Each structure stands twice: as C-alpha cells, then as structure tokens.
PDB file of N, CA and C in Angstrom:
ATOM      1  N   UNK A   1       0.977  -1.235  -0.123  1.00  0.00           N
ATOM      2  CA  UNK A   1      -0.094   0.050  -0.149  1.00  0.00           C
ATOM      3  C   UNK A   1       1.018   1.143   0.011  1.00  0.00           C
ATOM      4  N   UNK A   2       0.401   2.330  -0.792  1.00  0.00           N
ATOM      5  CA  UNK A   2       1.180   3.538  -0.886  1.00  0.00           C
ATOM      6  C   UNK A   2       0.459   4.578   0.029  1.00  0.00           C
ATOM      7  N   UNK A   3       1.204   5.691   0.329  1.00  0.00           N
ATOM      8  CA  UNK A   3       0.771   6.477   1.216  1.00  0.00           C
ATOM      9  C   UNK A   3       0.802   8.023   0.794  1.00  0.00           C
ATOM     10  N   UNK A   4      -0.147   8.873   1.147  1.00  0.00           N
ATOM     11  CA  UNK A   4      -0.187  10.210   0.872  1.00  0.00           C
ATOM     12  C   UNK A   4      -0.291  10.870   2.252  1.00  0.00           C
ATOM     13  N   UNK A   5       0.529  11.704   2.508  1.00  0.00           N
ATOM     14  CA  UNK A   5       0.620  12.404   3.823  1.00  0.00           C
ATOM     15  C   UNK A   5       0.411  14.018   3.637  1.00  0.00           C
ATOM     16  N   UNK A   6      -0.544  14.568   4.447  1.00  0.00           N
ATOM     17  CA  UNK A   6      -0.548  15.852   4.399  1.00  0.00           C
ATOM     18  C   UNK A   6      -0.299  16.304   6.073  1.00  0.00           C
ATOM     19  N   UNK A   7       0.767  17.024   5.975  1.00  0.00           N
ATOM     20  CA  UNK A   7       1.465  17.355   7.371  1.00  0.00           C
ATOM     21  C   UNK A   7       1.273  18.729   7.638  1.00  0.00           C
ATOM     22  N   UNK A   8       0.842  19.165   9.070  1.00  0.00           N
ATOM     23  CA  UNK A   8       0.918  20.427   9.588  1.00  0.00           C
ATOM     24  C   UNK A   8      -0.118  21.384   8.832  1.00  0.00           C
ATOM     25  N   UNK A   9      -1.293  20.951   8.466  1.00  0.00           N
ATOM     26  CA  UNK A   9      -2.327  21.634   8.037  1.00  0.00           C
ATOM     27  C   UNK A   9      -2.849  22.559   9.239  1.00  0.00           C
ATOM     28  N   UNK A  10      -2.494  23.805   8.995  1.00  0.00           N
ATOM     29  CA  UNK A  10      -2.884  24.843  10.190  1.00  0.00           C
ATOM     30  C   UNK A  10      -4.259  25.380  10.110  1.00  0.00           C
ATOM     31  N   UNK A  11      -5.028  25.477  11.119  1.00  0.00           N
ATOM     32  CA  UNK A  11      -6.363  26.044  11.060  1.00  0.00           C
ATOM     33  C   UNK A  11      -6.590  26.828  12.335  1.00  0.00           C
ATOM     34  N   UNK A  12      -7.232  27.929  12.206  1.00  0.00           N
ATOM     35  CA  UNK A  12      -7.723  28.806  13.382  1.00  0.00           C
ATOM     36  C   UNK A  12      -9.301  28.373  13.465  1.00  0.00           C
ATOM     37  N   UNK A  13      -9.800  27.780  14.628  1.00  0.00           N
ATOM     38  CA  UNK A  13     -11.268  27.590  14.598  1.00  0.00           C
ATOM     39  C   UNK A  13     -11.653  27.483  16.101  1.00  0.00           C
ATOM     40  N   UNK A  14     -12.686  27.225  16.487  1.00  0.00           N
ATOM     41  CA  UNK A  14     -13.371  27.231  17.847  1.00  0.00           C
ATOM     42  C   UNK A  14     -13.873  26.154  18.523  1.00  0.00           C
ATOM     43  N   UNK A  15     -13.057  24.920  18.474  1.00  0.00           N
ATOM     44  CA  UNK A  15     -13.391  23.635  19.038  1.00  0.00           C
ATOM     45  C   UNK A  15     -13.049  23.864  20.591  1.00  0.00           C
ATOM     46  N   UNK A  16     -13.698  23.228  21.292  1.00  0.00           N
ATOM     47  CA  UNK A  16     -13.475  23.051  22.814  1.00  0.00           C
ATOM     48  C   UNK A  16     -14.619  23.134  23.717  1.00  0.00           C
ATOM     49  N   UNK A  17     -14.788  22.693  24.884  1.00  0.00           N
ATOM     50  CA  UNK A  17     -15.738  22.440  25.874  1.00  0.00           C
ATOM     51  C   UNK A  17     -16.055  23.758  26.528  1.00  0.00           C
ATOM     52  N   UNK A  18     -15.099  24.795  26.649  1.00  0.00           N
ATOM     53  CA  UNK A  18     -15.403  25.936  27.304  1.00  0.00           C
ATOM     54  C   UNK A  18     -16.116  27.102  26.419  1.00  0.00           C
ATOM     55  N   UNK A  19     -16.899  27.914  27.133  1.00  0.00           N
ATOM     56  CA  UNK A  19     -17.641  28.881  26.344  1.00  0.00           C
ATOM     57  C   UNK A  19     -16.557  29.856  25.515  1.00  0.00           C
ATOM     58  N   UNK A  20     -15.485  30.173  26.423  1.00  0.00           N
ATOM     59  CA  UNK A  20     -14.419  31.022  25.966  1.00  0.00           C
ATOM     60  C   UNK A  20     -13.800  30.547  24.585  1.00  0.00           C
ATOM     61  N   UNK A  21     -13.680  29.214  24.593  1.00  0.00           N
ATOM     62  CA  UNK A  21     -13.087  28.652  23.260  1.00  0.00           C
ATOM     63  C   UNK A  21     -14.016  28.848  22.040  1.00  0.00           C
ATOM     64  N   UNK A  22     -15.179  28.874  22.283  1.00  0.00           N
ATOM     65  CA  UNK A  22     -16.200  29.153  21.126  1.00  0.00           C
ATOM     66  C   UNK A  22     -16.044  30.608  20.718  1.00  0.00           C
ATOM     67  N   UNK A  23     -15.937  31.382  21.705  1.00  0.00           N
ATOM     68  CA  UNK A  23     -16.005  32.696  21.372  1.00  0.00           C
ATOM     69  C   UNK A  23     -14.522  33.276  20.707  1.00  0.00           C
ATOM     70  N   UNK A  24     -13.276  32.836  21.187  1.00  0.00           N
ATOM     71  CA  UNK A  24     -12.014  33.398  20.963  1.00  0.00           C
ATOM     72  C   UNK A  24     -11.367  32.431  19.976  1.00  0.00           C
ATOM     73  N   UNK A  25     -11.517  31.271  19.968  1.00  0.00           N
ATOM     74  CA  UNK A  25     -11.151  30.166  18.960  1.00  0.00           C
ATOM     75  C   UNK A  25      -9.616  30.198  19.391  1.00  0.00           C
ATOM     76  N   UNK A  26      -8.976  29.198  18.611  1.00  0.00           N
ATOM     77  CA  UNK A  26      -7.604  28.916  18.793  1.00  0.00           C
ATOM     78  C   UNK A  26      -6.925  28.269  17.825  1.00  0.00           C
ATOM     79  N   UNK A  27      -5.558  27.931  17.669  1.00  0.00           N
ATOM     80  CA  UNK A  27      -4.926  27.254  16.639  1.00  0.00           C
ATOM     81  C   UNK A  27      -4.883  25.883  16.660  1.00  0.00           C
ATOM     82  N   UNK A  28      -5.199  25.240  15.636  1.00  0.00           N
ATOM     83  CA  UNK A  28      -5.001  23.679  15.577  1.00  0.00           C
ATOM     84  C   UNK A  28      -4.010  23.353  14.330  1.00  0.00           C
ATOM     85  N   UNK A  29      -3.504  21.998  14.555  1.00  0.00           N
ATOM     86  CA  UNK A  29      -2.836  21.503  13.502  1.00  0.00           C
ATOM     87  C   UNK A  29      -3.399  20.032  13.204  1.00  0.00           C
ATOM     88  N   UNK A  30      -3.404  19.799  11.786  1.00  0.00           N
ATOM     89  CA  UNK A  30      -3.966  18.357  11.513  1.00  0.00           C
ATOM     90  C   UNK A  30      -2.947  17.784  10.559  1.00  0.00           C
ATOM     91  N   UNK A  31      -2.739  16.482  10.797  1.00  0.00           N
ATOM     92  CA  UNK A  31      -1.836  15.550   9.929  1.00  0.00           C
ATOM     93  C   UNK A  31      -2.770  14.541   9.401  1.00  0.00           C
ATOM     94  N   UNK A  32      -2.761  14.291   8.255  1.00  0.00           N
ATOM     95  CA  UNK A  32      -3.690  13.248   7.678  1.00  0.00           C
ATOM     96  C   UNK A  32      -2.728  12.186   6.942  1.00  0.00           C
ATOM     97  N   UNK A  33      -2.862  10.914   6.903  1.00  0.00           N
ATOM     98  CA  UNK A  33      -1.995  10.005   6.250  1.00  0.00           C
ATOM     99  C   UNK A  33      -3.205   9.001   5.818  1.00  0.00           C
ATOM    100  N   UNK A  34      -3.081   8.832   4.359  1.00  0.00           N
ATOM    101  CA  UNK A  34      -4.075   7.697   3.782  1.00  0.00           C
ATOM    102  C   UNK A  34      -3.010   6.719   2.939  1.00  0.00           C
ATOM    103  N   UNK A  35      -3.821   5.500   3.007  1.00  0.00           N
ATOM    104  CA  UNK A  35      -2.979   4.478   2.421  1.00  0.00           C
ATOM    105  C   UNK A  35      -3.952   4.096   1.236  1.00  0.00           C
ATOM    106  N   UNK A  36      -3.353   3.955  -0.063  1.00  0.00           N
ATOM    107  CA  UNK A  36      -4.185   3.730  -1.233  1.00  0.00           C
ATOM    108  C   UNK A  36      -2.985   3.050  -2.141  1.00  0.00           C
ATOM    109  N   UNK A  37      -3.668   2.371  -3.191  1.00  0.00           N
ATOM    110  CA  UNK A  37      -2.920   1.751  -4.295  1.00  0.00           C
ATOM    111  C   UNK A  37      -2.509   2.904  -5.225  1.00  0.00           C
ATOM    112  N   UNK A  38      -1.397   3.455  -5.370  1.00  0.00           N
ATOM    113  CA  UNK A  38      -1.113   4.542  -6.253  1.00  0.00           C
ATOM    114  C   UNK A  38      -0.216   4.058  -7.488  1.00  0.00           C
ATOM    115  N   UNK A  39      -0.276   2.759  -7.673  1.00  0.00           N
ATOM    116  CA  UNK A  39       0.501   2.122  -8.849  1.00  0.00           C
ATOM    117  C   UNK A  39      -0.014   2.669 -10.209  1.00  0.00           C
ATOM    118  N   UNK A  40      -1.370   2.750 -10.393  1.00  0.00           N
ATOM    119  CA  UNK A  40      -2.050   3.064 -11.607  1.00  0.00           C
ATOM    120  C   UNK A  40      -1.616   4.485 -12.031  1.00  0.00           C
ATOM    121  N   UNK A  41      -1.759   5.425 -11.009  1.00  0.00           N
ATOM    122  CA  UNK A  41      -1.534   6.867 -11.160  1.00  0.00           C
ATOM    123  C   UNK A  41       0.048   7.227 -11.394  1.00  0.00           C
ATOM    124  N   UNK A  42       0.759   6.327 -10.765  1.00  0.00           N
ATOM    125  CA  UNK A  42       2.445   6.390 -11.113  1.00  0.00           C
ATOM    126  C   UNK A  42       2.707   6.038 -12.566  1.00  0.00           C
ATOM    127  N   UNK A  43       2.007   5.320 -13.102  1.00  0.00           N
ATOM    128  CA  UNK A  43       2.102   4.916 -14.594  1.00  0.00           C
ATOM    129  C   UNK A  43       1.315   5.861 -15.403  1.00  0.00           C
ATOM    130  N   UNK A  44       0.293   6.354 -15.173  1.00  0.00           N
ATOM    131  CA  UNK A  44      -0.685   6.924 -15.920  1.00  0.00           C
ATOM    132  C   UNK A  44      -0.286   8.702 -15.946  1.00  0.00           C
ATOM    133  N   UNK A  45       0.087   9.011 -14.862  1.00  0.00           N
ATOM    134  CA  UNK A  45       0.390  10.324 -14.601  1.00  0.00           C
ATOM    135  C   UNK A  45      -0.891  11.151 -14.557  1.00  0.00           C
ATOM    136  N   UNK A  46      -2.028  10.720 -14.311  1.00  0.00           N
ATOM    137  CA  UNK A  46      -3.368  11.340 -14.476  1.00  0.00           C
ATOM    138  C   UNK A  46      -4.030  11.422 -12.998  1.00  0.00           C
ATOM    139  N   UNK A  47      -4.451  12.689 -12.887  1.00  0.00           N
ATOM    140  CA  UNK A  47      -5.278  12.887 -11.573  1.00  0.00           C
ATOM    141  C   UNK A  47      -6.276  12.014 -11.062  1.00  0.00           C
ATOM    142  N   UNK A  48      -7.072  11.587 -12.104  1.00  0.00           N
ATOM    143  CA  UNK A  48      -8.137  10.762 -11.916  1.00  0.00           C
ATOM    144  C   UNK A  48      -7.846   9.368 -11.438  1.00  0.00           C
ATOM    145  N   UNK A  49      -6.535   9.035 -11.505  1.00  0.00           N
ATOM    146  CA  UNK A  49      -6.030   7.668 -11.133  1.00  0.00           C
ATOM    147  C   UNK A  49      -5.664   7.805  -9.683  1.00  0.00           C
ATOM    148  N   UNK A  50      -5.644   8.839  -9.012  1.00  0.00           N
ATOM    149  CA  UNK A  50      -5.137   8.839  -7.823  1.00  0.00           C
ATOM    150  C   UNK A  50      -6.146   9.383  -6.547  1.00  0.00           C
ATOM    151  N   UNK A  51      -5.595   9.821  -5.567  1.00  0.00           N
ATOM    152  CA  UNK A  51      -6.225  10.376  -4.345  1.00  0.00           C
ATOM    153  C   UNK A  51      -5.723  11.791  -4.392  1.00  0.00           C
ATOM    154  N   UNK A  52      -6.618  12.660  -4.769  1.00  0.00           N
ATOM    155  CA  UNK A  52      -6.208  14.079  -4.775  1.00  0.00           C
ATOM    156  C   UNK A  52      -6.038  14.713  -3.521  1.00  0.00           C
ATOM    157  N   UNK A  53      -4.815  15.028  -3.273  1.00  0.00           N
ATOM    158  CA  UNK A  53      -4.574  15.791  -1.899  1.00  0.00           C
ATOM    159  C   UNK A  53      -5.056  17.087  -1.722  1.00  0.00           C
ATOM    160  N   UNK A  54      -5.622  17.687  -2.817  1.00  0.00           N
ATOM    161  CA  UNK A  54      -6.352  18.852  -2.725  1.00  0.00           C
ATOM    162  C   UNK A  54      -7.795  18.730  -2.013  1.00  0.00           C
ATOM    163  N   UNK A  55      -8.239  17.492  -2.516  1.00  0.00           N
ATOM    164  CA  UNK A  55      -9.527  17.177  -1.951  1.00  0.00           C
ATOM    165  C   UNK A  55      -9.399  16.790  -0.372  1.00  0.00           C
ATOM    166  N   UNK A  56      -8.234  16.194  -0.177  1.00  0.00           N
ATOM    167  CA  UNK A  56      -8.213  15.726   1.404  1.00  0.00           C
ATOM    168  C   UNK A  56      -7.973  17.094   2.258  1.00  0.00           C
ATOM    169  N   UNK A  57      -7.199  17.937   1.648  1.00  0.00           N
ATOM    170  CA  UNK A  57      -7.127  19.367   2.464  1.00  0.00           C
ATOM    171  C   UNK A  57      -8.339  20.053   2.660  1.00  0.00           C
ATOM    172  N   UNK A  58      -9.200  19.877   1.499  1.00  0.00           N
ATOM    173  CA  UNK A  58     -10.649  20.487   1.448  1.00  0.00           C
ATOM    174  C   UNK A  58     -11.406  19.841   2.706  1.00  0.00           C
ATOM    175  N   UNK A  59     -11.360  18.515   2.764  1.00  0.00           N
ATOM    176  CA  UNK A  59     -11.957  17.716   3.933  1.00  0.00           C
ATOM    177  C   UNK A  59     -11.704  18.289   5.167  1.00  0.00           C
ATOM    178  N   UNK A  60     -10.320  18.198   5.444  1.00  0.00           N
ATOM    179  CA  UNK A  60      -9.802  19.044   6.764  1.00  0.00           C
ATOM    180  C   UNK A  60     -10.331  20.236   6.906  1.00  0.00           C
ATOM    181  N   UNK A  61     -10.372  21.226   5.964  1.00  0.00           N
ATOM    182  CA  UNK A  61     -10.802  22.720   6.329  1.00  0.00           C
ATOM    183  C   UNK A  61     -12.191  22.642   6.587  1.00  0.00           C
ATOM    184  N   UNK A  62     -12.963  21.883   5.897  1.00  0.00           N
ATOM    185  CA  UNK A  62     -14.404  22.015   5.993  1.00  0.00           C
ATOM    186  C   UNK A  62     -14.856  21.321   7.327  1.00  0.00           C
ATOM    187  N   UNK A  63     -14.341  20.143   7.593  1.00  0.00           N
ATOM    188  CA  UNK A  63     -14.677  19.558   8.859  1.00  0.00           C
ATOM    189  C   UNK A  63     -14.127  20.281  10.174  1.00  0.00           C
ATOM    190  N   UNK A  64     -13.009  20.869   9.993  1.00  0.00           N
ATOM    191  CA  UNK A  64     -12.450  21.703  11.089  1.00  0.00           C
ATOM    192  C   UNK A  64     -13.330  22.843  11.172  1.00  0.00           C
ATOM    193  N   UNK A  65     -13.986  23.505  10.254  1.00  0.00           N
ATOM    194  CA  UNK A  65     -14.792  24.609  10.523  1.00  0.00           C
ATOM    195  C   UNK A  65     -16.097  24.445  11.136  1.00  0.00           C
ATOM    196  N   UNK A  66     -16.527  23.088  11.466  1.00  0.00           N
ATOM    197  CA  UNK A  66     -17.653  22.752  12.162  1.00  0.00           C
ATOM    198  C   UNK A  66     -17.358  22.629  13.552  1.00  0.00           C
ATOM    199  N   UNK A  67     -17.882  23.354  14.640  1.00  0.00           N
ATOM    200  CA  UNK A  67     -17.602  23.373  15.951  1.00  0.00           C
ATOM    201  C   UNK A  67     -17.898  22.012  16.488  1.00  0.00           C
ATOM    202  N   UNK A  68     -16.903  21.569  17.199  1.00  0.00           N
ATOM    203  CA  UNK A  68     -16.972  20.255  18.225  1.00  0.00           C
ATOM    204  C   UNK A  68     -16.524  20.603  19.504  1.00  0.00           C
ATOM    205  N   UNK A  69     -17.066  19.783  20.322  1.00  0.00           N
ATOM    206  CA  UNK A  69     -16.547  20.065  21.816  1.00  0.00           C
ATOM    207  C   UNK A  69     -15.313  19.286  21.946  1.00  0.00           C
ATOM    208  N   UNK A  70     -15.405  18.277  21.450  1.00  0.00           N
ATOM    209  CA  UNK A  70     -14.029  17.263  21.419  1.00  0.00           C
ATOM    210  C   UNK A  70     -13.309  17.166  20.145  1.00  0.00           C
ATOM    211  N   UNK A  71     -11.943  17.069  20.369  1.00  0.00           N
ATOM    212  CA  UNK A  71     -11.131  16.650  19.161  1.00  0.00           C
ATOM    213  C   UNK A  71     -11.514  15.405  18.450  1.00  0.00           C
ATOM    214  N   UNK A  72     -11.822  14.449  19.302  1.00  0.00           N
ATOM    215  CA  UNK A  72     -12.201  13.048  18.925  1.00  0.00           C
ATOM    216  C   UNK A  72     -13.502  13.080  17.984  1.00  0.00           C
ATOM    217  N   UNK A  73     -14.269  14.128  18.149  1.00  0.00           N
ATOM    218  CA  UNK A  73     -15.586  14.250  17.306  1.00  0.00           C
ATOM    219  C   UNK A  73     -15.198  14.867  15.922  1.00  0.00           C
ATOM    220  N   UNK A  74     -14.360  15.801  15.821  1.00  0.00           N
ATOM    221  CA  UNK A  74     -13.929  16.345  14.728  1.00  0.00           C
ATOM    222  C   UNK A  74     -13.003  15.441  13.853  1.00  0.00           C
ATOM    223  N   UNK A  75     -12.106  14.757  14.503  1.00  0.00           N
ATOM    224  CA  UNK A  75     -11.385  13.726  13.861  1.00  0.00           C
ATOM    225  C   UNK A  75     -12.082  12.635  13.188  1.00  0.00           C
ATOM    226  N   UNK A  76     -13.118  12.249  13.997  1.00  0.00           N
ATOM    227  CA  UNK A  76     -14.025  10.998  13.409  1.00  0.00           C
ATOM    228  C   UNK A  76     -14.721  11.576  12.088  1.00  0.00           C
ATOM    229  N   UNK A  77     -15.116  12.825  12.203  1.00  0.00           N
ATOM    230  CA  UNK A  77     -15.784  13.421  10.865  1.00  0.00           C
ATOM    231  C   UNK A  77     -14.805  13.428   9.688  1.00  0.00           C
ATOM    232  N   UNK A  78     -13.549  13.690   9.969  1.00  0.00           N
ATOM    233  CA  UNK A  78     -12.496  13.891   8.931  1.00  0.00           C
ATOM    234  C   UNK A  78     -12.387  12.383   8.456  1.00  0.00           C
ATOM    235  N   UNK A  79     -12.191  11.413   9.289  1.00  0.00           N
ATOM    236  CA  UNK A  79     -12.016  10.088   8.720  1.00  0.00           C
ATOM    237  C   UNK A  79     -13.396   9.612   8.005  1.00  0.00           C
ATOM    238  N   UNK A  80     -14.448   9.931   8.536  1.00  0.00           N
ATOM    239  CA  UNK A  80     -15.765   9.325   7.877  1.00  0.00           C
ATOM    240  C   UNK A  80     -15.900  10.125   6.512  1.00  0.00           C
ATOM    241  N   UNK A  81     -15.562  11.248   6.343  1.00  0.00           N
ATOM    242  CA  UNK A  81     -15.641  12.018   5.283  1.00  0.00           C
ATOM    243  C   UNK A  81     -14.702  11.577   4.045  1.00  0.00           C
ATOM    244  N   UNK A  82     -13.439  11.235   4.669  1.00  0.00           N
ATOM    245  CA  UNK A  82     -12.538  10.805   3.736  1.00  0.00           C
ATOM    246  C   UNK A  82     -12.974   9.552   3.049  1.00  0.00           C
ATOM    247  N   UNK A  83     -13.495   8.591   3.877  1.00  0.00           N
ATOM    248  CA  UNK A  83     -13.905   7.193   3.265  1.00  0.00           C
ATOM    249  C   UNK A  83     -15.068   7.524   2.387  1.00  0.00           C
ATOM    250  N   UNK A  84     -15.946   8.401   2.659  1.00  0.00           N
ATOM    251  CA  UNK A  84     -17.310   8.591   1.816  1.00  0.00           C
ATOM    252  C   UNK A  84     -16.811   9.173   0.604  1.00  0.00           C
ATOM    253  N   UNK A  85     -15.975  10.177   0.477  1.00  0.00           N
ATOM    254  CA  UNK A  85     -15.593  10.983  -0.645  1.00  0.00           C
ATOM    255  C   UNK A  85     -14.571  10.196  -1.556  1.00  0.00           C
ATOM    256  N   UNK A  86     -13.724   9.563  -0.968  1.00  0.00           N
ATOM    257  CA  UNK A  86     -12.633   8.737  -1.614  1.00  0.00           C
ATOM    258  C   UNK A  86     -12.542   7.180  -1.752  1.00  0.00           C
ATOM    259  N   UNK A  87     -13.100   6.761  -2.744  1.00  0.00           N
ATOM    260  CA  UNK A  87     -13.165   5.230  -2.678  1.00  0.00           C
ATOM    261  C   UNK A  87     -11.810   4.672  -2.551  1.00  0.00           C
ATOM    262  N   UNK A  88     -10.679   5.062  -3.297  1.00  0.00           N
ATOM    263  CA  UNK A  88      -9.432   4.605  -3.410  1.00  0.00           C
ATOM    264  C   UNK A  88      -8.687   4.375  -2.001  1.00  0.00           C
ATOM    265  N   UNK A  89      -9.274   5.188  -0.842  1.00  0.00           N
ATOM    266  CA  UNK A  89      -8.654   5.155   0.458  1.00  0.00           C
ATOM    267  C   UNK A  89      -8.923   3.854   1.044  1.00  0.00           C
ATOM    268  N   UNK A  90      -7.817   3.108   1.588  1.00  0.00           N
ATOM    269  CA  UNK A  90      -7.985   1.711   2.274  1.00  0.00           C
ATOM    270  C   UNK A  90      -7.851   1.995   3.707  1.00  0.00           C
ATOM    271  N   UNK A  91      -7.043   3.052   4.133  1.00  0.00           N
ATOM    272  CA  UNK A  91      -6.762   3.143   5.528  1.00  0.00           C
ATOM    273  C   UNK A  91      -6.411   4.802   5.752  1.00  0.00           C
ATOM    274  N   UNK A  92      -6.820   5.247   6.917  1.00  0.00           N
ATOM    275  CA  UNK A  92      -6.383   6.508   7.252  1.00  0.00           C
ATOM    276  C   UNK A  92      -6.183   6.738   8.727  1.00  0.00           C
ATOM    277  N   UNK A  93      -5.159   7.827   8.837  1.00  0.00           N
ATOM    278  CA  UNK A  93      -4.814   8.043  10.237  1.00  0.00           C
ATOM    279  C   UNK A  93      -4.734   9.700  10.196  1.00  0.00           C
ATOM    280  N   UNK A  94      -5.556  10.023  11.386  1.00  0.00           N
ATOM    281  CA  UNK A  94      -5.595  11.716  11.434  1.00  0.00           C
ATOM    282  C   UNK A  94      -5.199  12.086  12.913  1.00  0.00           C
ATOM    283  N   UNK A  95      -4.485  12.943  12.901  1.00  0.00           N
ATOM    284  CA  UNK A  95      -3.941  13.578  14.105  1.00  0.00           C
ATOM    285  C   UNK A  95      -4.466  15.081  14.192  1.00  0.00           C
ATOM    286  N   UNK A  96      -5.114  15.382  15.256  1.00  0.00           N
ATOM    287  CA  UNK A  96      -5.724  16.706  15.487  1.00  0.00           C
ATOM    288  C   UNK A  96      -5.093  17.244  16.666  1.00  0.00           C
ATOM    289  N   UNK A  97      -4.325  18.285  16.616  1.00  0.00           N
ATOM    290  CA  UNK A  97      -3.713  18.964  17.730  1.00  0.00           C
ATOM    291  C   UNK A  97      -4.172  20.421  18.044  1.00  0.00           C
ATOM    292  N   UNK A  98      -4.452  20.563  19.492  1.00  0.00           N
ATOM    293  CA  UNK A  98      -4.941  21.976  19.818  1.00  0.00           C
ATOM    294  C   UNK A  98      -3.755  22.463  20.359  1.00  0.00           C
ATOM    295  N   UNK A  99      -3.078  23.642  19.826  1.00  0.00           N
ATOM    296  CA  UNK A  99      -2.094  24.480  20.110  1.00  0.00           C
ATOM    297  C   UNK A  99      -2.240  25.109  21.434  1.00  0.00           C
ATOM    298  N   UNK A 100      -1.290  25.211  22.349  1.00  0.00           N
ATOM    299  CA  UNK A 100      -1.569  25.994  23.448  1.00  0.00           C
ATOM    300  C   UNK A 100      -2.767  25.900  24.238  1.00  0.00           C
ATOM    301  N   UNK A 101      -3.205  24.660  24.485  1.00  0.00           N
ATOM    302  CA  UNK A 101      -4.639  24.428  24.882  1.00  0.00           C
ATOM    303  C   UNK A 101      -4.692  25.066  26.486  1.00  0.00           C
ATOM    304  N   UNK A 102      -5.971  25.640  26.683  1.00  0.00           N
ATOM    305  CA  UNK A 102      -6.098  26.229  28.136  1.00  0.00           C
ATOM    306  C   UNK A 102      -6.286  25.117  29.144  1.00  0.00           C
ATOM    307  N   UNK A 103      -5.456  24.462  29.557  1.00  0.00           N
ATOM    308  CA  UNK A 103      -5.280  23.390  30.565  1.00  0.00           C
ATOM    309  C   UNK A 103      -4.472  23.869  31.747  1.00  0.00           C
ATOM    310  N   UNK A 104      -4.276  25.083  32.186  1.00  0.00           N
ATOM    311  CA  UNK A 104      -3.409  25.380  33.300  1.00  0.00           C
ATOM    312  C   UNK A 104      -2.042  24.979  33.456  1.00  0.00           C
ATOM    313  N   UNK A 105      -1.455  24.927  32.300  1.00  0.00           N
ATOM    314  CA  UNK A 105      -0.080  24.567  32.504  1.00  0.00           C
ATOM    315  C   UNK A 105       0.876  25.117  31.047  1.00  0.00           C
ATOM    316  N   UNK A 106       2.030  24.942  31.083  1.00  0.00           N
ATOM    317  CA  UNK A 106       2.747  25.145  29.869  1.00  0.00           C
ATOM    318  C   UNK A 106       2.797  23.942  28.940  1.00  0.00           C
ATOM    319  N   UNK A 107       1.866  23.844  28.212  1.00  0.00           N
ATOM    320  CA  UNK A 107       1.825  22.647  27.263  1.00  0.00           C
ATOM    321  C   UNK A 107       1.600  23.170  25.837  1.00  0.00           C
ATOM    322  N   UNK A 108       2.531  22.732  25.065  1.00  0.00           N
ATOM    323  CA  UNK A 108       2.537  23.177  23.650  1.00  0.00           C
ATOM    324  C   UNK A 108       1.494  22.675  22.867  1.00  0.00           C
ATOM    325  N   UNK A 109       1.160  21.461  23.068  1.00  0.00           N
ATOM    326  CA  UNK A 109      -0.177  21.123  22.225  1.00  0.00           C
ATOM    327  C   UNK A 109      -0.691  19.846  22.865  1.00  0.00           C
ATOM    328  N   UNK A 110      -1.897  19.488  22.644  1.00  0.00           N
ATOM    329  CA  UNK A 110      -2.771  18.278  22.964  1.00  0.00           C
ATOM    330  C   UNK A 110      -3.092  17.702  21.569  1.00  0.00           C
ATOM    331  N   UNK A 111      -2.706  16.396  21.418  1.00  0.00           N
ATOM    332  CA  UNK A 111      -2.911  15.792  19.958  1.00  0.00           C
ATOM    333  C   UNK A 111      -3.784  14.610  20.247  1.00  0.00           C
ATOM    334  N   UNK A 112      -4.838  14.051  19.401  1.00  0.00           N
ATOM    335  CA  UNK A 112      -5.326  12.961  19.565  1.00  0.00           C
ATOM    336  C   UNK A 112      -5.083  12.331  18.184  1.00  0.00           C
ATOM    337  N   UNK A 113      -5.015  11.038  18.190  1.00  0.00           N
ATOM    338  CA  UNK A 113      -4.722  10.168  16.965  1.00  0.00           C
ATOM    339  C   UNK A 113      -5.881   9.230  16.740  1.00  0.00           C
ATOM    340  N   UNK A 114      -6.442   9.152  15.522  1.00  0.00           N
ATOM    341  CA  UNK A 114      -7.442   8.005  15.385  1.00  0.00           C
ATOM    342  C   UNK A 114      -7.226   7.428  13.968  1.00  0.00           C
ATOM    343  N   UNK A 115      -7.725   6.366  13.736  1.00  0.00           N
ATOM    344  CA  UNK A 115      -7.464   5.622  12.418  1.00  0.00           C
ATOM    345  C   UNK A 115      -8.888   4.720  11.932  1.00  0.00           C
ATOM    346  N   UNK A 116      -8.858   4.701  10.722  1.00  0.00           N
ATOM    347  CA  UNK A 116     -10.066   3.961  10.152  1.00  0.00           C
ATOM    348  C   UNK A 116      -9.527   3.210   9.041  1.00  0.00           C
ATOM    349  N   UNK A 117     -10.030   2.050   8.846  1.00  0.00           N
ATOM    350  CA  UNK A 117      -9.827   1.111   7.704  1.00  0.00           C
ATOM    351  C   UNK A 117     -11.095   0.695   6.936  1.00  0.00           C
ATOM    352  N   UNK A 118     -10.799   0.607   5.839  1.00  0.00           N
ATOM    353  CA  UNK A 118     -12.131  -0.024   4.847  1.00  0.00           C
ATOM    354  C   UNK A 118     -11.766  -1.454   4.705  1.00  0.00           C
TER     355      UNK A 118
END
C-alpha cells in the first residue's frame, strides 16, 4: 500500500468545551495519512487515477470549520468524510492537535490520533 501524507495543516477555529473557546477560538494542527494503491497513477500520470490531496485538504478545512466540543468528534468526521468521498482510500490516520490548550500549564499542544480502515 502506498501513502499520501498531509502534514501540519494549520487551522484557526473554535473547538472546545469551554464557552471562551467558542468565542475566541484557537490554533489547531492536523496531519492526515492515507493508504491507497497509487501504482496506476504512478504509471498514467493522471489525477483521476489517484487520491487528490487537494480534496483531502478541503475535507480537513471543511470539517475543522464545524464546531465540536471534543477533538475526537472532529477527527472522526474527517475520517468518515475521507472514506465517503474517496473510494481509493483503504486506511487513514488523522492527528488533530490543539496548540497551546487552556489546561492550566505550559503545554505546547494536545494531540489525538484516530484511525479507520475499509
């Protein structure tokens, strides 16, 4: 299986359980790795034969723009949408990180990692 990886997709949005998080928002980082057979596109050099990483980025941006209280919820939506939209995807791993989370300490980020297989 071959892979496409989107790394460090930066998004400013308003996820979180606190009312303040909904109002002021914060920075997030998303990494998405998908497994698919890319052998046909490697030979054909045609976009129709591969998983379009522009589409993957669009999924991330659109799903991150919908408010969730939990990072797990938005990560699951990214996975579900990836499998719904892109038939070639056989496995996906998404990492969603909240940068400088409001947890009462000096923490650079909190990251959740979720996977899904077809």
